Amino acid sequence: MNTIDDILNQLRALATPERQAGMARAGINNAAALGVRMPDVRQLANAVGTNHALALQLWETGIHEAQILAGLIADPKHTTKAQMHAWAQTFSSWDVTDQCAINLFRKTPDAYEMVEIWAQQKAEFVKRAGFALMATLAVHDKKAEDSTFSAFFPLIEEAASDSRNFVKHAARNGSPLTRCEN
């Protein structure tokens, strides 16, 4: 059975203190991290499958890997704009931000609207979410017209000079995770 306690126990069993400490070297906020490898989080997500209710519970824990797992198992069909905004307001690390954009938000009917809204926000990781989502849509939405993405150029141009690295890099380069996706 996949209860919140079961999943958290599995995540804790997969955690290593060395990995948790090393996350900071990659610019990952590890304050609420356990130190679980991403392949292990993905394997757990595959075992759990889509489970929106569990995803909501995992997000609320505030645990870094639980939030990444939440983005992997949440159902895009049940992901509302309100949920997307709520999650974005709590982003505190670039990798959670990018993983949510890649694995969940791009699959929602509101993805393009969120790009427009988030890319103009002040909060660092909310703004980054707009650009990570923009990049992942550009990679994965093969049916979109070029004009859909050229409309984003003013947003990119404006944010490319943002003094905050997590915003500037996302605006200039997209998400490093997007470039790793197939």
N, C-alpha and C. Protein backbone atom coordinates (compact mmCIF):
# COMPACT_ATOMS: atom_id res chain seq x y z
N MET A 1 0.85 -1.17 0.00
CA MET A 1 0.00 0.00 0.00
C MET A 1 0.89 1.24 0.00
N ASN A 2 0.44 2.28 -0.68
CA ASN A 2 1.23 3.50 -0.79
C ASN A 2 0.64 4.61 0.05
N THR A 3 0.91 4.57 1.34
CA THR A 3 0.48 5.66 2.21
C THR A 3 1.62 6.68 2.28
N ILE A 4 1.29 7.86 2.76
CA ILE A 4 2.31 8.88 2.91
C ILE A 4 3.45 8.39 3.81
N ASP A 5 3.11 7.70 4.88
CA ASP A 5 4.15 7.19 5.79
C ASP A 5 5.02 6.14 5.10
N ASP A 6 4.40 5.26 4.31
CA ASP A 6 5.16 4.25 3.57
C ASP A 6 6.17 4.91 2.63
N ILE A 7 5.71 5.90 1.89
CA ILE A 7 6.58 6.57 0.91
C ILE A 7 7.70 7.32 1.61
N LEU A 8 7.38 8.04 2.68
CA LEU A 8 8.43 8.77 3.40
C LEU A 8 9.45 7.82 4.00
N ASN A 9 9.00 6.68 4.50
CA ASN A 9 9.94 5.67 5.02
C ASN A 9 10.83 5.14 3.92
N GLN A 10 10.26 4.93 2.74
CA GLN A 10 11.08 4.46 1.61
C GLN A 10 12.11 5.51 1.21
N LEU A 11 11.70 6.76 1.16
CA LEU A 11 12.64 7.83 0.83
C LEU A 11 13.77 7.91 1.86
N ARG A 12 13.41 7.82 3.13
CA ARG A 12 14.43 7.88 4.18
C ARG A 12 15.39 6.70 4.09
N ALA A 13 14.88 5.55 3.72
CA ALA A 13 15.74 4.36 3.58
C ALA A 13 16.72 4.51 2.42
N LEU A 14 16.35 5.29 1.41
CA LEU A 14 17.21 5.50 0.24
C LEU A 14 18.19 6.66 0.43
N ALA A 15 18.04 7.40 1.49
CA ALA A 15 18.84 8.61 1.72
C ALA A 15 20.25 8.29 2.19
N THR A 16 21.17 9.16 1.79
CA THR A 16 22.54 9.08 2.30
C THR A 16 23.00 10.47 2.73
N PRO A 17 23.62 10.57 3.89
CA PRO A 17 24.08 11.88 4.36
C PRO A 17 25.10 12.52 3.40
N GLU A 18 25.93 11.70 2.77
CA GLU A 18 26.94 12.23 1.84
C GLU A 18 26.27 12.91 0.65
N ARG A 19 25.24 12.28 0.14
CA ARG A 19 24.50 12.84 -1.00
C ARG A 19 23.81 14.15 -0.58
N GLN A 20 23.22 14.14 0.61
CA GLN A 20 22.54 15.33 1.10
C GLN A 20 23.53 16.49 1.22
N ALA A 21 24.69 16.22 1.74
CA ALA A 21 25.71 17.26 1.90
C ALA A 21 26.22 17.73 0.54
N GLY A 22 26.35 16.82 -0.41
CA GLY A 22 26.88 17.16 -1.73
C GLY A 22 25.92 17.94 -2.61
N MET A 23 24.66 17.95 -2.29
CA MET A 23 23.68 18.65 -3.11
C MET A 23 23.98 20.14 -3.20
N ALA A 24 24.51 20.70 -2.15
CA ALA A 24 24.81 22.13 -2.13
C ALA A 24 25.84 22.50 -3.21
N ARG A 25 26.75 21.58 -3.53
CA ARG A 25 27.74 21.87 -4.57
C ARG A 25 27.09 22.09 -5.93
N ALA A 26 25.91 21.53 -6.14
CA ALA A 26 25.18 21.71 -7.40
C ALA A 26 24.20 22.88 -7.30
N GLY A 27 24.29 23.66 -6.25
CA GLY A 27 23.42 24.81 -6.07
C GLY A 27 22.02 24.44 -5.62
N ILE A 28 21.88 23.25 -5.07
CA ILE A 28 20.58 22.77 -4.60
C ILE A 28 20.43 23.12 -3.13
N ASN A 29 19.32 23.73 -2.79
CA ASN A 29 19.01 24.03 -1.40
C ASN A 29 18.74 22.69 -0.70
N ASN A 30 19.64 22.29 0.16
CA ASN A 30 19.52 20.97 0.79
C ASN A 30 19.00 21.03 2.23
N ALA A 31 18.48 22.17 2.63
CA ALA A 31 18.01 22.33 4.01
C ALA A 31 16.92 21.32 4.36
N ALA A 32 16.05 21.01 3.42
CA ALA A 32 14.96 20.06 3.66
C ALA A 32 15.14 18.78 2.85
N ALA A 33 16.37 18.52 2.44
CA ALA A 33 16.66 17.35 1.61
C ALA A 33 17.10 16.16 2.45
N LEU A 34 16.80 14.98 1.92
CA LEU A 34 17.22 13.74 2.58
C LEU A 34 18.53 13.22 1.99
N GLY A 35 18.73 13.47 0.71
CA GLY A 35 19.91 12.94 0.03
C GLY A 35 19.61 11.67 -0.75
N VAL A 36 18.51 11.67 -1.48
CA VAL A 36 18.11 10.52 -2.29
C VAL A 36 18.48 10.81 -3.74
N ARG A 37 19.09 9.83 -4.40
CA ARG A 37 19.47 9.98 -5.80
C ARG A 37 18.21 10.09 -6.68
N MET A 38 18.30 10.89 -7.73
CA MET A 38 17.17 11.08 -8.62
C MET A 38 16.72 9.77 -9.28
N PRO A 39 17.62 8.88 -9.70
CA PRO A 39 17.13 7.61 -10.25
C PRO A 39 16.29 6.81 -9.25
N ASP A 40 16.62 6.92 -7.97
CA ASP A 40 15.83 6.23 -6.95
C ASP A 40 14.45 6.87 -6.79
N VAL A 41 14.39 8.20 -6.88
CA VAL A 41 13.10 8.90 -6.80
C VAL A 41 12.24 8.50 -8.00
N ARG A 42 12.84 8.44 -9.18
CA ARG A 42 12.10 8.04 -10.38
C ARG A 42 11.61 6.59 -10.28
N GLN A 43 12.44 5.72 -9.76
CA GLN A 43 12.03 4.33 -9.60
C GLN A 43 10.85 4.21 -8.63
N LEU A 44 10.89 4.97 -7.57
CA LEU A 44 9.79 4.99 -6.62
C LEU A 44 8.52 5.53 -7.29
N ALA A 45 8.67 6.58 -8.10
CA ALA A 45 7.52 7.15 -8.82
C ALA A 45 6.91 6.11 -9.76
N ASN A 46 7.74 5.36 -10.44
CA ASN A 46 7.23 4.31 -11.33
C ASN A 46 6.47 3.24 -10.55
N ALA A 47 6.96 2.91 -9.38
CA ALA A 47 6.29 1.90 -8.55
C ALA A 47 4.94 2.41 -8.02
N VAL A 48 4.89 3.68 -7.68
CA VAL A 48 3.66 4.27 -7.14
C VAL A 48 2.64 4.50 -8.25
N GLY A 49 3.08 5.00 -9.39
CA GLY A 49 2.17 5.36 -10.47
C GLY A 49 1.51 6.69 -10.20
N THR A 50 0.53 7.04 -11.01
CA THR A 50 -0.18 8.31 -10.85
C THR A 50 -1.07 8.22 -9.62
N ASN A 51 -0.88 9.18 -8.72
CA ASN A 51 -1.68 9.21 -7.50
C ASN A 51 -1.72 10.66 -7.02
N HIS A 52 -2.72 11.38 -7.48
CA HIS A 52 -2.79 12.82 -7.21
C HIS A 52 -2.96 13.13 -5.73
N ALA A 53 -3.79 12.38 -5.05
CA ALA A 53 -4.01 12.63 -3.61
C ALA A 53 -2.70 12.46 -2.84
N LEU A 54 -1.95 11.42 -3.15
CA LEU A 54 -0.67 11.19 -2.49
C LEU A 54 0.32 12.29 -2.86
N ALA A 55 0.28 12.74 -4.10
CA ALA A 55 1.18 13.83 -4.53
C ALA A 55 0.94 15.08 -3.69
N LEU A 56 -0.31 15.40 -3.46
CA LEU A 56 -0.63 16.58 -2.65
C LEU A 56 -0.10 16.43 -1.22
N GLN A 57 -0.21 15.25 -0.67
CA GLN A 57 0.31 14.99 0.68
C GLN A 57 1.83 15.09 0.70
N LEU A 58 2.48 14.52 -0.31
CA LEU A 58 3.94 14.57 -0.38
C LEU A 58 4.42 16.02 -0.46
N TRP A 59 3.74 16.82 -1.25
CA TRP A 59 4.16 18.22 -1.39
C TRP A 59 4.13 18.93 -0.05
N GLU A 60 3.09 18.67 0.70
CA GLU A 60 2.90 19.36 1.98
C GLU A 60 3.97 19.02 3.01
N THR A 61 4.71 17.94 2.83
CA THR A 61 5.76 17.60 3.79
C THR A 61 6.90 18.61 3.76
N GLY A 62 7.09 19.27 2.62
CA GLY A 62 8.20 20.20 2.48
C GLY A 62 9.54 19.52 2.26
N ILE A 63 9.56 18.20 2.22
CA ILE A 63 10.80 17.46 2.00
C ILE A 63 11.16 17.52 0.52
N HIS A 64 12.38 17.88 0.26
CA HIS A 64 12.88 18.10 -1.10
C HIS A 64 12.52 16.96 -2.05
N GLU A 65 12.94 15.76 -1.73
CA GLU A 65 12.69 14.62 -2.61
C GLU A 65 11.22 14.23 -2.68
N ALA A 66 10.49 14.45 -1.59
CA ALA A 66 9.05 14.18 -1.59
C ALA A 66 8.35 15.13 -2.56
N GLN A 67 8.83 16.37 -2.65
CA GLN A 67 8.23 17.32 -3.58
C GLN A 67 8.55 16.96 -5.03
N ILE A 68 9.76 16.50 -5.28
CA ILE A 68 10.08 16.05 -6.64
C ILE A 68 9.21 14.84 -6.99
N LEU A 69 9.08 13.91 -6.07
CA LEU A 69 8.22 12.74 -6.27
C LEU A 69 6.78 13.18 -6.51
N ALA A 70 6.31 14.17 -5.80
CA ALA A 70 4.95 14.68 -5.98
C ALA A 70 4.73 15.13 -7.43
N GLY A 71 5.70 15.84 -7.98
CA GLY A 71 5.59 16.28 -9.37
C GLY A 71 5.59 15.13 -10.37
N LEU A 72 6.21 14.04 -9.98
CA LEU A 72 6.26 12.86 -10.86
C LEU A 72 4.98 12.04 -10.83
N ILE A 73 4.28 12.02 -9.70
CA ILE A 73 3.11 11.15 -9.59
C ILE A 73 1.78 11.91 -9.66
N ALA A 74 1.82 13.23 -9.61
CA ALA A 74 0.58 14.02 -9.69
C ALA A 74 -0.05 13.84 -11.06
N ASP A 75 -1.35 13.94 -11.10
CA ASP A 75 -2.09 13.78 -12.35
C ASP A 75 -2.30 15.15 -12.99
N PRO A 76 -1.74 15.38 -14.18
CA PRO A 76 -1.91 16.69 -14.83
C PRO A 76 -3.37 17.05 -15.07
N LYS A 77 -4.22 16.05 -15.24
CA LYS A 77 -5.64 16.31 -15.48
C LYS A 77 -6.33 16.86 -14.24
N HIS A 78 -5.75 16.61 -13.08
CA HIS A 78 -6.33 17.11 -11.83
C HIS A 78 -5.53 18.26 -11.22
N THR A 79 -4.51 18.69 -11.92
CA THR A 79 -3.66 19.78 -11.43
C THR A 79 -4.29 21.11 -11.85
N THR A 80 -4.72 21.86 -10.89
CA THR A 80 -5.39 23.13 -11.16
C THR A 80 -4.39 24.28 -11.17
N LYS A 81 -4.85 25.43 -11.70
CA LYS A 81 -4.03 26.63 -11.65
C LYS A 81 -3.73 27.01 -10.21
N ALA A 82 -4.71 26.85 -9.34
CA ALA A 82 -4.50 27.18 -7.93
C ALA A 82 -3.41 26.31 -7.32
N GLN A 83 -3.41 25.03 -7.64
CA GLN A 83 -2.37 24.13 -7.13
C GLN A 83 -1.01 24.53 -7.69
N MET A 84 -0.95 24.83 -8.98
CA MET A 84 0.31 25.23 -9.60
C MET A 84 0.86 26.48 -8.93
N HIS A 85 0.00 27.46 -8.71
CA HIS A 85 0.44 28.70 -8.04
C HIS A 85 0.90 28.41 -6.61
N ALA A 86 0.14 27.59 -5.91
CA ALA A 86 0.50 27.28 -4.52
C ALA A 86 1.87 26.60 -4.46
N TRP A 87 2.08 25.63 -5.33
CA TRP A 87 3.37 24.95 -5.34
C TRP A 87 4.49 25.91 -5.71
N ALA A 88 4.26 26.71 -6.74
CA ALA A 88 5.30 27.64 -7.18
C ALA A 88 5.70 28.61 -6.07
N GLN A 89 4.75 29.03 -5.26
CA GLN A 89 5.05 29.97 -4.17
C GLN A 89 5.96 29.35 -3.12
N THR A 90 6.04 28.02 -3.08
CA THR A 90 6.89 27.37 -2.07
C THR A 90 8.20 26.84 -2.65
N PHE A 91 8.45 27.04 -3.94
CA PHE A 91 9.72 26.58 -4.52
C PHE A 91 10.88 27.23 -3.78
N SER A 92 11.88 26.41 -3.44
CA SER A 92 13.06 26.94 -2.76
C SER A 92 14.36 26.37 -3.32
N SER A 93 14.26 25.65 -4.43
CA SER A 93 15.45 25.07 -5.04
C SER A 93 15.21 24.94 -6.55
N TRP A 94 16.27 25.18 -7.33
CA TRP A 94 16.12 25.15 -8.78
C TRP A 94 15.69 23.79 -9.29
N ASP A 95 16.15 22.72 -8.68
CA ASP A 95 15.84 21.39 -9.23
C ASP A 95 14.39 20.99 -8.99
N VAL A 96 13.83 21.35 -7.84
CA VAL A 96 12.40 21.07 -7.61
C VAL A 96 11.58 21.89 -8.60
N THR A 97 11.95 23.14 -8.79
CA THR A 97 11.27 24.01 -9.75
C THR A 97 11.28 23.39 -11.14
N ASP A 98 12.45 23.01 -11.60
CA ASP A 98 12.59 22.48 -12.95
C ASP A 98 11.91 21.12 -13.10
N GLN A 99 12.02 20.27 -12.09
CA GLN A 99 11.38 18.96 -12.16
C GLN A 99 9.86 19.10 -12.26
N CYS A 100 9.29 20.01 -11.50
CA CYS A 100 7.83 20.22 -11.58
C CYS A 100 7.43 20.73 -12.96
N ALA A 101 8.22 21.64 -13.52
CA ALA A 101 7.92 22.16 -14.86
C ALA A 101 7.97 21.04 -15.89
N ILE A 102 8.99 20.23 -15.82
CA ILE A 102 9.21 19.17 -16.81
C ILE A 102 8.24 18.02 -16.66
N ASN A 103 8.04 17.56 -15.45
CA ASN A 103 7.28 16.34 -15.23
C ASN A 103 5.78 16.53 -15.06
N LEU A 104 5.36 17.73 -14.67
CA LEU A 104 3.94 17.93 -14.39
C LEU A 104 3.36 19.13 -15.12
N PHE A 105 3.87 20.32 -14.86
CA PHE A 105 3.22 21.53 -15.31
C PHE A 105 3.08 21.61 -16.83
N ARG A 106 4.06 21.13 -17.57
CA ARG A 106 3.98 21.20 -19.04
C ARG A 106 2.83 20.38 -19.60
N LYS A 107 2.36 19.42 -18.84
CA LYS A 107 1.30 18.52 -19.29
C LYS A 107 -0.10 19.04 -18.96
N THR A 108 -0.17 20.19 -18.29
CA THR A 108 -1.47 20.74 -17.89
C THR A 108 -2.00 21.66 -18.98
N PRO A 109 -3.32 21.85 -19.04
CA PRO A 109 -3.88 22.76 -20.03
C PRO A 109 -3.53 24.23 -19.77
N ASP A 110 -3.04 24.55 -18.60
CA ASP A 110 -2.73 25.93 -18.23
C ASP A 110 -1.25 26.28 -18.35
N ALA A 111 -0.46 25.40 -18.94
CA ALA A 111 0.99 25.59 -18.97
C ALA A 111 1.41 26.91 -19.61
N TYR A 112 0.87 27.22 -20.77
CA TYR A 112 1.28 28.45 -21.46
C TYR A 112 0.87 29.70 -20.68
N GLU A 113 -0.27 29.66 -20.06
CA GLU A 113 -0.72 30.79 -19.25
C GLU A 113 0.23 31.00 -18.07
N MET A 114 0.69 29.90 -17.47
CA MET A 114 1.61 30.01 -16.33
C MET A 114 2.95 30.60 -16.75
N VAL A 115 3.41 30.27 -17.95
CA VAL A 115 4.66 30.86 -18.44
C VAL A 115 4.54 32.38 -18.41
N GLU A 116 3.47 32.89 -18.99
CA GLU A 116 3.26 34.34 -19.07
C GLU A 116 3.21 34.99 -17.69
N ILE A 117 2.53 34.33 -16.78
CA ILE A 117 2.36 34.89 -15.42
C ILE A 117 3.66 34.79 -14.64
N TRP A 118 4.22 33.60 -14.58
CA TRP A 118 5.40 33.38 -13.73
C TRP A 118 6.64 34.10 -14.23
N ALA A 119 6.84 34.19 -15.53
CA ALA A 119 8.04 34.83 -16.06
C ALA A 119 8.10 36.32 -15.70
N GLN A 120 6.99 36.87 -15.25
CA GLN A 120 6.95 38.29 -14.89
C GLN A 120 6.90 38.51 -13.38
N GLN A 121 7.04 37.46 -12.61
CA GLN A 121 6.97 37.57 -11.15
C GLN A 121 8.31 38.01 -10.56
N LYS A 122 8.27 38.52 -9.36
CA LYS A 122 9.49 38.96 -8.66
C LYS A 122 10.19 37.80 -7.96
N ALA A 123 9.42 36.91 -7.34
CA ALA A 123 10.02 35.81 -6.56
C ALA A 123 10.93 34.97 -7.46
N GLU A 124 12.15 34.74 -6.98
CA GLU A 124 13.19 34.11 -7.80
C GLU A 124 12.78 32.77 -8.41
N PHE A 125 12.30 31.86 -7.60
CA PHE A 125 12.01 30.53 -8.13
C PHE A 125 10.68 30.47 -8.87
N VAL A 126 9.78 31.37 -8.57
CA VAL A 126 8.53 31.46 -9.36
C VAL A 126 8.89 31.94 -10.76
N LYS A 127 9.71 32.98 -10.82
CA LYS A 127 10.15 33.50 -12.12
C LYS A 127 10.91 32.42 -12.89
N ARG A 128 11.79 31.70 -12.21
CA ARG A 128 12.52 30.62 -12.86
C ARG A 128 11.54 29.58 -13.40
N ALA A 129 10.48 29.29 -12.64
CA ALA A 129 9.49 28.31 -13.10
C ALA A 129 8.92 28.70 -14.45
N GLY A 130 8.69 29.99 -14.65
CA GLY A 130 8.18 30.45 -15.94
C GLY A 130 9.13 30.09 -17.07
N PHE A 131 10.42 30.29 -16.85
CA PHE A 131 11.40 30.01 -17.90
C PHE A 131 11.69 28.52 -18.05
N ALA A 132 11.68 27.78 -16.96
CA ALA A 132 11.85 26.33 -17.05
C ALA A 132 10.67 25.72 -17.81
N LEU A 133 9.48 26.21 -17.53
CA LEU A 133 8.29 25.73 -18.22
C LEU A 133 8.33 26.11 -19.70
N MET A 134 8.77 27.32 -19.98
CA MET A 134 8.92 27.77 -21.36
C MET A 134 9.87 26.84 -22.12
N ALA A 135 11.01 26.52 -21.52
CA ALA A 135 12.01 25.67 -22.17
C ALA A 135 11.48 24.26 -22.40
N THR A 136 10.81 23.71 -21.41
CA THR A 136 10.33 22.34 -21.56
C THR A 136 9.18 22.25 -22.57
N LEU A 137 8.37 23.29 -22.65
CA LEU A 137 7.33 23.32 -23.69
C LEU A 137 7.96 23.40 -25.07
N ALA A 138 9.00 24.19 -25.21
CA ALA A 138 9.69 24.31 -26.50
C ALA A 138 10.27 22.97 -26.94
N VAL A 139 10.72 22.17 -26.00
CA VAL A 139 11.30 20.86 -26.33
C VAL A 139 10.20 19.84 -26.61
N HIS A 140 9.14 19.84 -25.82
CA HIS A 140 8.17 18.75 -25.86
C HIS A 140 6.89 19.01 -26.64
N ASP A 141 6.49 20.26 -26.82
CA ASP A 141 5.23 20.53 -27.52
C ASP A 141 5.51 20.66 -29.01
N LYS A 142 5.54 19.53 -29.68
CA LYS A 142 5.89 19.47 -31.10
C LYS A 142 4.80 20.07 -31.99
N LYS A 143 3.59 20.23 -31.47
CA LYS A 143 2.48 20.75 -32.27
C LYS A 143 2.38 22.28 -32.22
N ALA A 144 3.09 22.90 -31.30
CA ALA A 144 3.01 24.35 -31.16
C ALA A 144 3.66 25.05 -32.34
N GLU A 145 3.06 26.15 -32.73
CA GLU A 145 3.61 26.97 -33.80
C GLU A 145 4.82 27.76 -33.29
N ASP A 146 5.73 28.09 -34.17
CA ASP A 146 6.88 28.90 -33.79
C ASP A 146 6.46 30.23 -33.17
N SER A 147 5.37 30.78 -33.66
CA SER A 147 4.90 32.07 -33.15
C SER A 147 4.54 32.00 -31.66
N THR A 148 4.14 30.82 -31.21
CA THR A 148 3.83 30.64 -29.79
C THR A 148 5.06 30.96 -28.96
N PHE A 149 6.21 30.49 -29.42
CA PHE A 149 7.45 30.67 -28.67
C PHE A 149 8.10 32.02 -28.95
N SER A 150 7.97 32.53 -30.15
CA SER A 150 8.55 33.85 -30.44
C SER A 150 7.86 34.94 -29.61
N ALA A 151 6.63 34.68 -29.19
CA ALA A 151 5.93 35.63 -28.32
C ALA A 151 6.61 35.73 -26.95
N PHE A 152 7.42 34.75 -26.60
CA PHE A 152 8.12 34.75 -25.32
C PHE A 152 9.43 35.55 -25.36
N PHE A 153 9.89 35.93 -26.54
CA PHE A 153 11.18 36.60 -26.65
C PHE A 153 11.29 37.85 -25.77
N PRO A 154 10.27 38.71 -25.69
CA PRO A 154 10.41 39.88 -24.81
C PRO A 154 10.60 39.49 -23.34
N LEU A 155 9.95 38.42 -22.91
CA LEU A 155 10.12 37.95 -21.53
C LEU A 155 11.55 37.46 -21.30
N ILE A 156 12.09 36.75 -22.27
CA ILE A 156 13.45 36.23 -22.18
C ILE A 156 14.45 37.38 -22.16
N GLU A 157 14.25 38.32 -23.06
CA GLU A 157 15.17 39.46 -23.15
C GLU A 157 15.20 40.25 -21.84
N GLU A 158 14.03 40.45 -21.27
CA GLU A 158 13.96 41.20 -20.01
C GLU A 158 14.65 40.46 -18.86
N ALA A 159 14.47 39.16 -18.78
CA ALA A 159 15.01 38.39 -17.66
C ALA A 159 16.47 37.99 -17.85
N ALA A 160 16.99 38.09 -19.06
CA ALA A 160 18.37 37.67 -19.30
C ALA A 160 19.38 38.51 -18.53
N SER A 161 18.98 39.70 -18.12
CA SER A 161 19.90 40.54 -17.35
C SER A 161 19.56 40.55 -15.86
N ASP A 162 18.66 39.66 -15.44
CA ASP A 162 18.31 39.54 -14.02
C ASP A 162 19.60 39.21 -13.25
N SER A 163 19.82 39.86 -12.15
CA SER A 163 21.06 39.65 -11.40
C SER A 163 21.10 38.32 -10.65
N ARG A 164 19.96 37.67 -10.52
CA ARG A 164 19.90 36.41 -9.79
C ARG A 164 20.20 35.25 -10.73
N ASN A 165 21.23 34.48 -10.39
CA ASN A 165 21.70 33.42 -11.27
C ASN A 165 20.63 32.41 -11.66
N PHE A 166 19.77 32.03 -10.71
CA PHE A 166 18.78 31.00 -11.02
C PHE A 166 17.74 31.50 -12.03
N VAL A 167 17.52 32.80 -12.08
CA VAL A 167 16.61 33.37 -13.08
C VAL A 167 17.37 33.59 -14.38
N LYS A 168 18.51 34.25 -14.29
CA LYS A 168 19.29 34.59 -15.48
C LYS A 168 19.64 33.35 -16.29
N HIS A 169 20.08 32.31 -15.64
CA HIS A 169 20.46 31.09 -16.35
C HIS A 169 19.26 30.40 -16.98
N ALA A 170 18.13 30.41 -16.30
CA ALA A 170 16.93 29.80 -16.88
C ALA A 170 16.45 30.61 -18.09
N ALA A 171 16.52 31.93 -18.00
CA ALA A 171 16.09 32.77 -19.12
C ALA A 171 17.02 32.61 -20.32
N ARG A 172 18.30 32.51 -20.06
CA ARG A 172 19.28 32.41 -21.16
C ARG A 172 19.39 31.00 -21.72
N ASN A 173 19.31 30.01 -20.85
CA ASN A 173 19.63 28.64 -21.26
C ASN A 173 18.49 27.65 -21.11
N GLY A 174 17.40 28.07 -20.50
CA GLY A 174 16.35 27.10 -20.16
C GLY A 174 16.79 26.30 -18.96
N SER A 175 16.14 25.21 -18.71
CA SER A 175 16.48 24.35 -17.60
C SER A 175 17.55 23.36 -18.01
N PRO A 176 18.59 23.16 -17.18
CA PRO A 176 19.57 22.12 -17.51
C PRO A 176 18.92 20.76 -17.57
N LEU A 177 17.85 20.57 -16.83
CA LEU A 177 17.15 19.29 -16.86
C LEU A 177 16.44 19.08 -18.18
N THR A 178 15.92 20.14 -18.78
CA THR A 178 15.24 20.04 -20.06
C THR A 178 16.19 19.52 -21.13
N ARG A 179 17.41 20.00 -21.08
CA ARG A 179 18.40 19.57 -22.08
C ARG A 179 18.76 18.11 -21.90
N CYS A 180 18.51 17.56 -20.73
CA CYS A 180 18.83 16.15 -20.47
C CYS A 180 17.68 15.22 -20.83
N GLU A 181 16.49 15.78 -21.00
CA GLU A 181 15.31 14.97 -21.28
C GLU A 181 15.34 14.49 -22.72
N ASN A 182 14.67 13.40 -22.98
CA ASN A 182 14.54 12.89 -24.36
C ASN A 182 13.30 13.42 -25.02
